[in-house]
Structure formats: structure tokens, C-alpha cells
N, C-alpha and C. Protein backbone atom coordinates (compact mmCIF):
# COMPACT_ATOMS: atom_id res chain seq x y z
N MET A 1 -15.96 1.22 9.44
CA MET A 1 -15.42 2.21 8.17
C MET A 1 -15.78 1.00 6.94
N LYS A 2 -16.22 1.71 5.92
CA LYS A 2 -16.59 1.01 4.74
C LYS A 2 -15.70 1.15 3.79
N CYS A 3 -15.54 0.06 3.01
CA CYS A 3 -14.66 0.10 2.02
C CYS A 3 -14.86 1.06 0.69
N PRO A 4 -13.70 1.72 0.19
CA PRO A 4 -13.83 2.92 -0.60
C PRO A 4 -14.19 2.39 -1.99
N VAL A 5 -13.86 1.04 -2.39
CA VAL A 5 -14.15 0.56 -3.61
C VAL A 5 -15.66 -0.07 -3.71
N ASP A 6 -16.29 -0.69 -2.47
CA ASP A 6 -17.47 -1.13 -3.11
C ASP A 6 -18.49 -0.98 -1.72
N LYS A 7 -17.94 -0.24 -0.80
CA LYS A 7 -18.98 0.09 0.45
C LYS A 7 -19.12 -0.93 1.56
N THR A 8 -18.36 -2.35 1.35
CA THR A 8 -18.59 -3.26 2.43
C THR A 8 -17.93 -2.87 3.58
N GLU A 9 -18.57 -3.38 4.60
CA GLU A 9 -18.04 -2.95 6.04
C GLU A 9 -16.65 -3.49 6.23
N LEU A 10 -15.59 -2.69 6.58
CA LEU A 10 -14.32 -3.37 6.65
C LEU A 10 -14.20 -4.07 7.98
N LYS A 11 -13.54 -5.25 8.01
CA LYS A 11 -13.36 -5.79 9.56
C LYS A 11 -11.91 -5.88 9.77
N GLU A 12 -11.64 -5.64 11.16
CA GLU A 12 -10.29 -5.75 11.46
C GLU A 12 -9.62 -7.20 11.53
N GLN A 13 -8.33 -7.22 11.15
CA GLN A 13 -7.56 -8.46 10.75
C GLN A 13 -6.21 -8.40 11.13
N GLU A 14 -5.58 -9.42 11.70
CA GLU A 14 -4.39 -9.46 12.00
C GLU A 14 -3.58 -9.64 10.76
N TYR A 15 -2.64 -9.01 10.36
CA TYR A 15 -1.83 -9.06 9.21
C TYR A 15 -0.27 -9.40 9.73
N GLU A 16 0.37 -10.61 9.41
CA GLU A 16 1.51 -11.08 9.60
C GLU A 16 2.14 -11.09 11.32
N ARG A 17 0.84 -11.01 12.12
CA ARG A 17 1.23 -10.62 13.76
C ARG A 17 1.86 -9.46 13.85
N ALA A 18 1.89 -8.54 12.78
CA ALA A 18 2.62 -7.31 12.91
C ALA A 18 1.66 -6.00 13.38
N VAL A 19 0.49 -6.17 12.73
CA VAL A 19 -0.38 -4.87 12.80
C VAL A 19 -1.98 -5.43 12.58
N VAL A 20 -2.69 -4.82 13.15
CA VAL A 20 -4.21 -5.04 12.82
C VAL A 20 -4.73 -3.92 11.77
N VAL A 21 -4.89 -4.77 10.74
CA VAL A 21 -5.59 -3.71 9.63
C VAL A 21 -7.05 -4.13 9.32
N ASP A 22 -7.71 -2.99 8.50
CA ASP A 22 -8.75 -3.15 8.20
C ASP A 22 -9.30 -3.68 6.85
N SER A 23 -9.87 -4.53 6.97
CA SER A 23 -9.79 -5.45 5.36
C SER A 23 -11.12 -5.74 4.85
N CYS A 24 -11.29 -5.63 3.72
CA CYS A 24 -12.50 -5.88 2.89
C CYS A 24 -12.85 -7.28 2.42
N SER A 25 -13.71 -8.22 2.60
CA SER A 25 -13.85 -9.14 2.65
C SER A 25 -14.55 -9.65 1.01
N SER A 26 -14.92 -8.51 0.44
CA SER A 26 -15.51 -8.73 -0.83
C SER A 26 -14.38 -8.55 -2.10
N CYS A 27 -13.55 -7.28 -1.87
CA CYS A 27 -12.71 -7.17 -3.06
C CYS A 27 -10.96 -7.39 -2.60
N GLN A 28 -11.05 -7.86 -1.33
CA GLN A 28 -9.55 -8.10 -0.83
C GLN A 28 -8.83 -6.93 -0.61
N GLY A 29 -9.30 -5.68 -0.40
CA GLY A 29 -8.28 -4.62 -0.15
C GLY A 29 -8.15 -4.37 1.51
N MET A 30 -7.39 -3.59 1.71
CA MET A 30 -7.19 -3.33 2.86
C MET A 30 -6.80 -1.86 2.94
N TRP A 31 -7.39 -1.13 4.56
CA TRP A 31 -6.96 0.21 5.02
C TRP A 31 -6.01 0.17 6.02
N LEU A 32 -4.98 0.78 5.88
CA LEU A 32 -3.56 0.89 6.84
C LEU A 32 -3.64 2.39 7.20
N ASP A 33 -3.86 2.73 8.43
CA ASP A 33 -3.43 3.98 9.17
C ASP A 33 -1.87 4.20 8.65
N LYS A 34 -1.58 5.83 8.89
CA LYS A 34 -0.41 5.94 8.21
C LYS A 34 1.00 5.37 8.64
N TRP A 35 0.97 4.86 10.03
CA TRP A 35 2.09 3.97 10.33
C TRP A 35 2.04 2.82 10.31
N GLU A 36 1.24 1.68 9.81
CA GLU A 36 0.83 0.52 9.47
C GLU A 36 1.49 0.10 8.40
N LEU A 37 2.20 0.53 7.45
CA LEU A 37 3.01 -0.03 6.47
C LEU A 37 4.22 -0.14 6.67
N LYS A 38 4.65 0.60 7.63
CA LYS A 38 6.00 0.81 7.92
C LYS A 38 6.23 -0.38 9.07
N ALA A 39 5.21 -0.52 9.87
CA ALA A 39 5.33 -1.76 10.69
C ALA A 39 5.18 -3.11 10.01
N ILE A 40 4.37 -3.11 8.97
CA ILE A 40 4.21 -4.44 8.09
C ILE A 40 5.55 -4.63 7.30
N GLN A 41 6.37 -3.46 7.06
CA GLN A 41 7.56 -3.76 6.16
C GLN A 41 8.93 -4.06 7.14
N ALA A 42 8.57 -3.47 8.35
CA ALA A 42 9.73 -3.67 9.37
C ALA A 42 9.55 -5.25 9.77
N ASN A 43 8.37 -5.93 9.61
CA ASN A 43 8.55 -7.30 10.10
C ASN A 43 8.72 -8.19 9.16
N LYS A 44 9.27 -9.15 9.37
CA LYS A 44 9.86 -10.19 8.31
C LYS A 44 8.92 -11.47 8.50
N GLY A 45 7.57 -11.32 8.55
CA GLY A 45 6.70 -12.37 8.72
C GLY A 45 6.62 -13.43 7.28
N ASN A 46 6.65 -12.69 6.15
CA ASN A 46 6.54 -13.35 4.95
C ASN A 46 8.05 -13.32 4.41
N TYR A 47 8.72 -14.28 3.59
CA TYR A 47 9.90 -14.26 2.91
C TYR A 47 9.43 -14.41 1.47
N TYR A 48 9.85 -13.78 0.47
CA TYR A 48 9.34 -13.87 -0.78
C TYR A 48 10.29 -14.32 -1.77
N GLN A 49 10.98 -15.16 -1.28
CA GLN A 49 12.54 -15.52 -1.81
C GLN A 49 12.03 -16.02 -3.18
N GLU A 50 11.03 -16.95 -3.52
CA GLU A 50 10.78 -17.24 -4.88
C GLU A 50 10.37 -16.18 -5.94
N GLU A 51 9.45 -15.35 -5.15
CA GLU A 51 9.25 -14.13 -6.02
C GLU A 51 10.38 -13.21 -6.32
N LEU A 52 11.16 -13.11 -5.61
CA LEU A 52 12.22 -12.31 -5.50
C LEU A 52 13.27 -12.91 -6.80
N GLU A 53 13.25 -14.20 -6.97
CA GLU A 53 14.33 -14.82 -8.05
C GLU A 53 13.72 -14.63 -9.41
N LYS A 54 12.20 -14.29 -9.48
CA LYS A 54 11.83 -14.15 -10.78
C LYS A 54 12.44 -13.01 -11.52
N PHE A 55 12.35 -13.44 -12.68
CA PHE A 55 12.60 -12.06 -13.52
C PHE A 55 11.52 -11.12 -13.85
N PRO A 56 11.72 -9.68 -13.60
CA PRO A 56 10.58 -8.92 -13.33
C PRO A 56 9.93 -8.78 -14.94
N ASP A 57 8.49 -8.93 -14.89
CA ASP A 57 7.95 -8.47 -16.34
C ASP A 57 7.62 -7.18 -16.53
N LEU A 58 8.62 -6.34 -17.14
CA LEU A 58 8.55 -4.76 -17.10
C LEU A 58 7.33 -4.42 -17.88
N VAL A 59 6.98 -4.85 -19.06
CA VAL A 59 6.12 -4.60 -20.00
C VAL A 59 4.66 -4.80 -19.31
N ASN A 60 4.47 -5.75 -18.76
CA ASN A 60 3.17 -6.09 -18.08
C ASN A 60 3.04 -5.07 -17.07
N LYS A 61 4.17 -4.75 -16.29
CA LYS A 61 3.69 -3.81 -15.00
C LYS A 61 3.57 -2.45 -15.63
N SER A 62 4.30 -2.22 -16.53
CA SER A 62 4.13 -0.60 -16.95
C SER A 62 2.42 -0.64 -17.55
N TYR A 63 1.96 -1.79 -18.30
CA TYR A 63 0.78 -1.66 -18.54
C TYR A 63 -0.30 -1.63 -17.22
N ARG A 64 -0.17 -2.76 -16.45
CA ARG A 64 -1.01 -2.36 -15.17
C ARG A 64 -0.80 -1.11 -14.52
N LEU A 65 0.26 -0.39 -14.65
CA LEU A 65 0.49 1.06 -13.97
C LEU A 65 -0.20 1.99 -14.63
N ALA A 66 -0.34 2.06 -16.04
CA ALA A 66 -0.82 2.71 -16.89
C ALA A 66 -2.55 2.52 -16.69
N LEU A 67 -3.13 1.45 -16.59
CA LEU A 67 -4.37 1.33 -16.02
C LEU A 67 -4.85 1.79 -14.92
N GLU A 68 -4.24 1.64 -13.87
CA GLU A 68 -4.07 1.73 -12.52
C GLU A 68 -4.44 3.50 -12.48
N LYS A 69 -3.68 4.13 -13.25
CA LYS A 69 -3.57 5.55 -13.15
C LYS A 69 -4.75 6.11 -13.74
N GLN A 70 -5.36 5.23 -14.68
CA GLN A 70 -6.82 5.89 -15.10
C GLN A 70 -8.10 5.56 -14.55
N ARG A 71 -8.04 4.73 -12.99
CA ARG A 71 -9.11 4.23 -12.57
C ARG A 71 -9.80 5.53 -11.61
N PRO A 72 -10.92 5.70 -11.50
CA PRO A 72 -11.44 6.71 -10.73
C PRO A 72 -10.78 6.62 -9.32
N LEU A 73 -10.76 8.03 -8.89
CA LEU A 73 -10.26 8.09 -7.59
C LEU A 73 -11.20 7.83 -6.30
N LEU A 74 -10.75 7.27 -5.33
CA LEU A 74 -11.55 6.79 -4.07
C LEU A 74 -11.53 7.47 -3.12
N ASN A 75 -12.61 7.43 -2.32
CA ASN A 75 -12.92 8.48 -1.27
C ASN A 75 -12.37 7.88 0.17
N CYS A 76 -11.67 8.28 1.05
CA CYS A 76 -11.19 8.02 2.28
C CYS A 76 -12.28 7.28 3.19
N PRO A 77 -12.35 6.15 3.51
CA PRO A 77 -13.22 5.47 4.16
C PRO A 77 -13.02 5.89 5.55
N LYS A 78 -11.85 6.22 6.23
CA LYS A 78 -11.71 6.70 7.72
C LYS A 78 -12.20 8.23 7.58
N CYS A 79 -12.20 9.19 6.71
CA CYS A 79 -12.56 10.53 6.68
C CYS A 79 -14.10 10.48 6.84
N ALA A 80 -14.47 9.44 5.84
CA ALA A 80 -15.97 9.39 5.86
C ALA A 80 -16.61 9.07 7.02
N GLU A 81 -16.11 8.46 7.87
CA GLU A 81 -16.59 8.26 9.18
C GLU A 81 -16.99 9.72 9.86
N ASN A 82 -16.22 10.47 9.70
CA ASN A 82 -16.45 12.13 10.15
C ASN A 82 -17.19 12.99 9.41
N ASN A 83 -17.90 12.17 8.31
CA ASN A 83 -18.76 13.04 7.34
C ASN A 83 -17.79 13.83 6.34
N ASP A 84 -16.78 13.35 6.33
CA ASP A 84 -15.78 14.30 5.39
C ASP A 84 -15.67 13.43 4.05
N ASN A 85 -15.92 14.26 2.95
CA ASN A 85 -15.78 13.48 1.86
C ASN A 85 -14.29 13.81 1.25
N ILE A 86 -13.53 13.06 1.54
CA ILE A 86 -11.87 13.39 1.14
C ILE A 86 -11.55 12.63 0.05
N GLN A 87 -11.08 12.79 -1.14
CA GLN A 87 -10.71 12.11 -2.26
C GLN A 87 -9.41 11.74 -1.88
N MET A 88 -8.82 10.33 -2.12
CA MET A 88 -7.60 9.85 -2.05
C MET A 88 -6.72 10.23 -3.16
N GLU A 89 -5.42 10.66 -2.98
CA GLU A 89 -4.37 10.63 -4.17
C GLU A 89 -3.81 9.46 -4.40
N ARG A 90 -3.76 9.36 -5.69
CA ARG A 90 -3.15 8.00 -6.40
C ARG A 90 -1.53 8.02 -6.33
N ARG A 91 -0.81 7.45 -5.73
CA ARG A 91 0.63 7.66 -6.10
C ARG A 91 1.52 6.17 -6.15
N GLU A 92 2.53 6.65 -6.83
CA GLU A 92 3.51 5.27 -7.05
C GLU A 92 4.16 5.23 -5.66
N HIS A 93 4.27 4.36 -5.18
CA HIS A 93 4.93 3.96 -4.07
C HIS A 93 6.57 3.92 -4.28
N GLY A 94 7.12 4.67 -3.48
CA GLY A 94 8.50 4.25 -3.59
C GLY A 94 9.25 5.18 -4.80
N TYR A 95 10.38 5.03 -4.94
CA TYR A 95 11.07 5.67 -6.16
C TYR A 95 10.41 5.10 -7.66
N CYS A 96 10.54 3.72 -7.71
CA CYS A 96 10.22 2.98 -8.80
C CYS A 96 9.43 1.89 -9.02
N SER A 97 8.77 1.39 -7.71
CA SER A 97 8.10 0.30 -7.61
C SER A 97 6.89 -0.30 -8.89
N GLN A 98 6.33 0.66 -9.26
CA GLN A 98 5.42 0.54 -10.23
C GLN A 98 4.20 0.10 -9.46
N ILE A 99 4.03 0.35 -8.10
CA ILE A 99 2.68 0.01 -7.42
C ILE A 99 2.04 1.28 -7.10
N MET A 100 0.96 1.08 -7.45
CA MET A 100 0.10 2.60 -7.18
C MET A 100 -0.87 2.47 -5.95
N ILE A 101 -0.67 3.18 -5.03
CA ILE A 101 -1.47 3.22 -3.63
C ILE A 101 -2.26 4.43 -3.40
N ASP A 102 -3.37 4.43 -2.88
CA ASP A 102 -4.06 5.38 -2.72
C ASP A 102 -3.95 6.08 -1.29
N VAL A 103 -3.60 7.26 -1.14
CA VAL A 103 -3.27 7.85 0.15
C VAL A 103 -4.07 9.15 0.23
N CYS A 104 -4.59 8.88 1.74
CA CYS A 104 -5.62 10.40 2.07
C CYS A 104 -4.96 11.49 2.37
N PRO A 105 -4.95 12.64 1.68
CA PRO A 105 -4.15 13.91 2.28
C PRO A 105 -4.43 14.51 3.22
N GLN A 106 -5.64 13.99 4.11
CA GLN A 106 -5.96 14.38 5.28
C GLN A 106 -5.57 13.49 6.58
N CYS A 107 -5.85 12.18 6.40
CA CYS A 107 -5.44 11.71 7.66
C CYS A 107 -4.07 10.58 7.50
N GLN A 108 -3.46 10.60 6.14
CA GLN A 108 -2.51 9.81 5.70
C GLN A 108 -2.68 8.59 5.90
N GLY A 109 -3.75 8.14 5.93
CA GLY A 109 -3.99 6.66 5.64
C GLY A 109 -3.76 5.95 4.36
N ILE A 110 -3.69 4.82 3.84
CA ILE A 110 -3.11 4.19 2.74
C ILE A 110 -4.23 3.18 2.43
N TRP A 111 -4.94 3.13 1.34
CA TRP A 111 -5.93 2.00 0.79
C TRP A 111 -4.97 1.19 -0.28
N LEU A 112 -4.93 -0.11 0.06
CA LEU A 112 -4.22 -1.20 -0.98
C LEU A 112 -5.12 -2.04 -1.36
N ASP A 113 -5.05 -2.23 -2.54
CA ASP A 113 -6.07 -3.23 -3.17
C ASP A 113 -5.40 -4.46 -3.04
N GLN A 114 -6.48 -5.56 -3.43
CA GLN A 114 -5.91 -6.96 -3.27
C GLN A 114 -4.30 -7.41 -3.79
N GLY A 115 -3.64 -7.97 -3.02
CA GLY A 115 -2.31 -8.01 -3.84
C GLY A 115 -1.31 -7.01 -3.76
N GLU A 116 -1.59 -5.71 -3.33
CA GLU A 116 -0.78 -4.62 -3.29
C GLU A 116 0.25 -4.65 -1.88
N VAL A 117 -0.34 -5.25 -0.75
CA VAL A 117 0.35 -5.34 0.24
C VAL A 117 1.85 -6.25 0.06
N GLN A 118 1.55 -7.36 -0.37
CA GLN A 118 2.88 -8.39 -0.72
C GLN A 118 3.34 -7.64 -1.72
N ALA A 119 2.81 -7.19 -2.69
CA ALA A 119 3.69 -6.58 -3.81
C ALA A 119 4.65 -5.32 -3.23
N LEU A 120 4.26 -4.89 -2.32
CA LEU A 120 5.12 -3.69 -1.53
C LEU A 120 6.05 -4.33 -0.78
N GLU A 121 5.83 -5.56 -0.19
CA GLU A 121 6.65 -6.24 0.53
C GLU A 121 7.98 -6.81 -0.08
N ILE A 122 7.49 -7.36 -1.29
CA ILE A 122 8.34 -7.78 -2.49
C ILE A 122 9.24 -6.70 -2.75
N PHE A 123 8.69 -5.76 -3.36
CA PHE A 123 9.43 -4.68 -4.05
C PHE A 123 10.35 -3.98 -2.80
N PHE A 124 10.02 -3.89 -1.56
CA PHE A 124 10.99 -3.69 -0.51
C PHE A 124 12.09 -4.45 -0.14
N GLU A 125 11.83 -5.78 0.06
CA GLU A 125 12.80 -6.80 0.19
C GLU A 125 13.70 -6.99 -1.09
N GLN A 126 13.26 -6.59 -2.42
CA GLN A 126 14.07 -6.84 -3.62
C GLN A 126 15.09 -5.42 -3.65
N SER A 127 14.57 -4.45 -3.34
CA SER A 127 15.24 -3.25 -3.41
C SER A 127 16.29 -2.92 -2.36
N HIS A 128 15.93 -3.65 -1.25
CA HIS A 128 17.03 -3.17 -0.03
C HIS A 128 17.63 -4.79 0.54
N MET A 129 17.54 -5.82 -0.25
CA MET A 129 18.20 -6.86 0.44
C MET A 129 19.68 -6.70 0.99
N ASP A 130 20.41 -6.00 0.62
CA ASP A 130 21.67 -6.00 1.30
C ASP A 130 22.14 -4.55 1.75
N ASP A 131 21.44 -3.55 1.33
CA ASP A 131 21.76 -2.14 1.56
C ASP A 131 21.03 -1.37 2.76
N LYS A 132 21.52 -1.33 3.93
CA LYS A 132 20.81 -0.82 4.87
C LYS A 132 20.59 0.76 4.84
N GLU A 133 21.52 1.33 4.21
CA GLU A 133 21.76 2.74 4.05
C GLU A 133 20.48 3.12 3.07
N ILE A 134 20.24 2.51 2.10
CA ILE A 134 19.24 2.53 1.11
C ILE A 134 17.98 2.42 2.03
N LYS A 135 17.87 1.52 2.55
CA LYS A 135 16.62 1.01 3.57
C LYS A 135 16.41 2.38 4.10
N THR A 136 17.09 2.74 4.81
CA THR A 136 16.81 4.13 5.53
C THR A 136 16.15 5.02 4.76
N GLY A 137 16.82 5.31 3.51
CA GLY A 137 16.59 6.39 2.63
C GLY A 137 15.14 6.06 2.01
N PHE A 138 14.64 4.95 1.79
CA PHE A 138 13.46 4.37 1.28
C PHE A 138 12.44 4.75 2.25
N PHE A 139 12.69 4.54 3.55
CA PHE A 139 11.73 5.14 4.45
C PHE A 139 11.48 6.43 4.77
N HIS A 140 12.74 7.16 4.69
CA HIS A 140 12.66 8.50 4.67
C HIS A 140 11.99 9.12 3.83
N SER A 141 12.25 8.70 2.52
CA SER A 141 11.37 9.22 1.29
C SER A 141 9.82 8.74 1.14
N LEU A 142 9.62 7.66 1.83
CA LEU A 142 8.08 7.14 1.85
C LEU A 142 7.37 8.45 3.09
N TRP A 143 7.89 8.38 4.03
CA TRP A 143 7.32 9.37 4.86
C TRP A 143 7.37 10.95 4.66
N PHE A 144 8.23 11.28 3.89
CA PHE A 144 8.39 12.45 3.32
C PHE A 144 7.27 12.93 2.28
N MET A 145 7.07 11.73 1.22
CA MET A 145 5.95 11.93 0.48
C MET A 145 4.61 11.82 1.29
N LEU A 146 4.31 11.11 2.09
CA LEU A 146 2.88 10.93 2.88
C LEU A 146 2.77 12.22 3.63
N ASN A 147 3.98 12.67 4.10
CA ASN A 147 3.69 13.96 5.08
C ASN A 147 3.68 15.27 4.17
N LYS A 148 3.75 15.39 3.10
CA LYS A 148 3.83 16.59 2.16
C LYS A 148 2.64 17.31 2.60
């Protein structure tokens, strides 16, 4: 499978001993099949306590979010293996994460740019530190969005 950003061949790599992902050695992005993000978030491989304690820079996040929305859409690398030219949709993950992810409407796979998987883990942990009920709703919302 080829990277949707720079067409480098993706290589399988174990992430946090939870799941094998396809990653790009050039741009550091990674491809997740539709169930793999849930497996990563369920795993407690990394603890982001230091990052969780930092005050969020909301202005900088909003600016980066606006830039992300303007970026050209990517083609799905998994569907491209079957000669399907499927453009991925760019969506904000979760309710208010300000993290844009690329989701394939056909195979439901997810492309994450460099640093986005860590940002998603931090968002998940920060948003759901004490409230298991919200945590469950968060995943239901994500799966609902991905399976529209």
C-alpha cells in the first residue's frame, strides 16, 4: 500500500504493542484500518500526564485546524490497491478535538498525519479521565460518524 501524501510504500509497524499499523517512513503518517484506532485508544501504552497538565493553546489549535481544512483531499491508499480512486473525507475527530483526520467513505480506514495518533490519545485521555459514561459515548459517537 502506498502513502496517500507522498506515494512512499507503507511498512507494517507495531504501535504500542496494541496493533500493527501501516506507516510512512517519509512523512511519518500512518494508515489505520477501521477498528485500529479503537484498539490504540483502549490500550494504555503511553501515558501523557505531562501533556495533559499543559494549558491548551486554543488560538494555535484553531489556526492549525483552519489550515488543515484547506489542504487538498487525499486518495485512500487501501482502496487504491484495488484500482479504486476513492477520495477520503477530512473530518474533525470526536466532538471538539480540533484534530482533523482523513477517513475513507468506502473502507472506513483512517489516515493520520505525523503526531495525530498521539494527539488523539491525549485528547481521549484528557476528555475522559474520570468519566467512564462519557468514554462510552465518545466511542459510540466515533463509530456512528465512521459508519454513516
